[in-house]
């Protein structure tokens, strides 16, 4: 499946802006996700910045088919429906279909 990642370029500069202004943080770019890590122990400023980043990304991404999440000391932007769980379900579904077992996971993720 082709996943649209055209939303990434406009958001990169926002991630880098927050990274440059928040000591101890790092931005991770992957093929279809962008993550800002703030693994700074007891740093209230980093947590405030994370909330600000999430709010800003949500506003700027507008109608882009993405979700912005804040959890476990990270802010992540990824396309709707893209996750490790969804990927695992798709892999298992393909394996079962190629073995003639039919689809067991497609309905769970629809």
Foldseek 3Di string as FASTA:
>chain_A
DDDDQPLPPVCVVLLVVLPVVDPPWDWDDDPFKIKIARPDPPDPVLVVSLVVSQVVCVVVSPPPQWDWDDDDRMIMIGGPLDDPVSVVLVVVQVVCVVVVNHHDRPVVSD
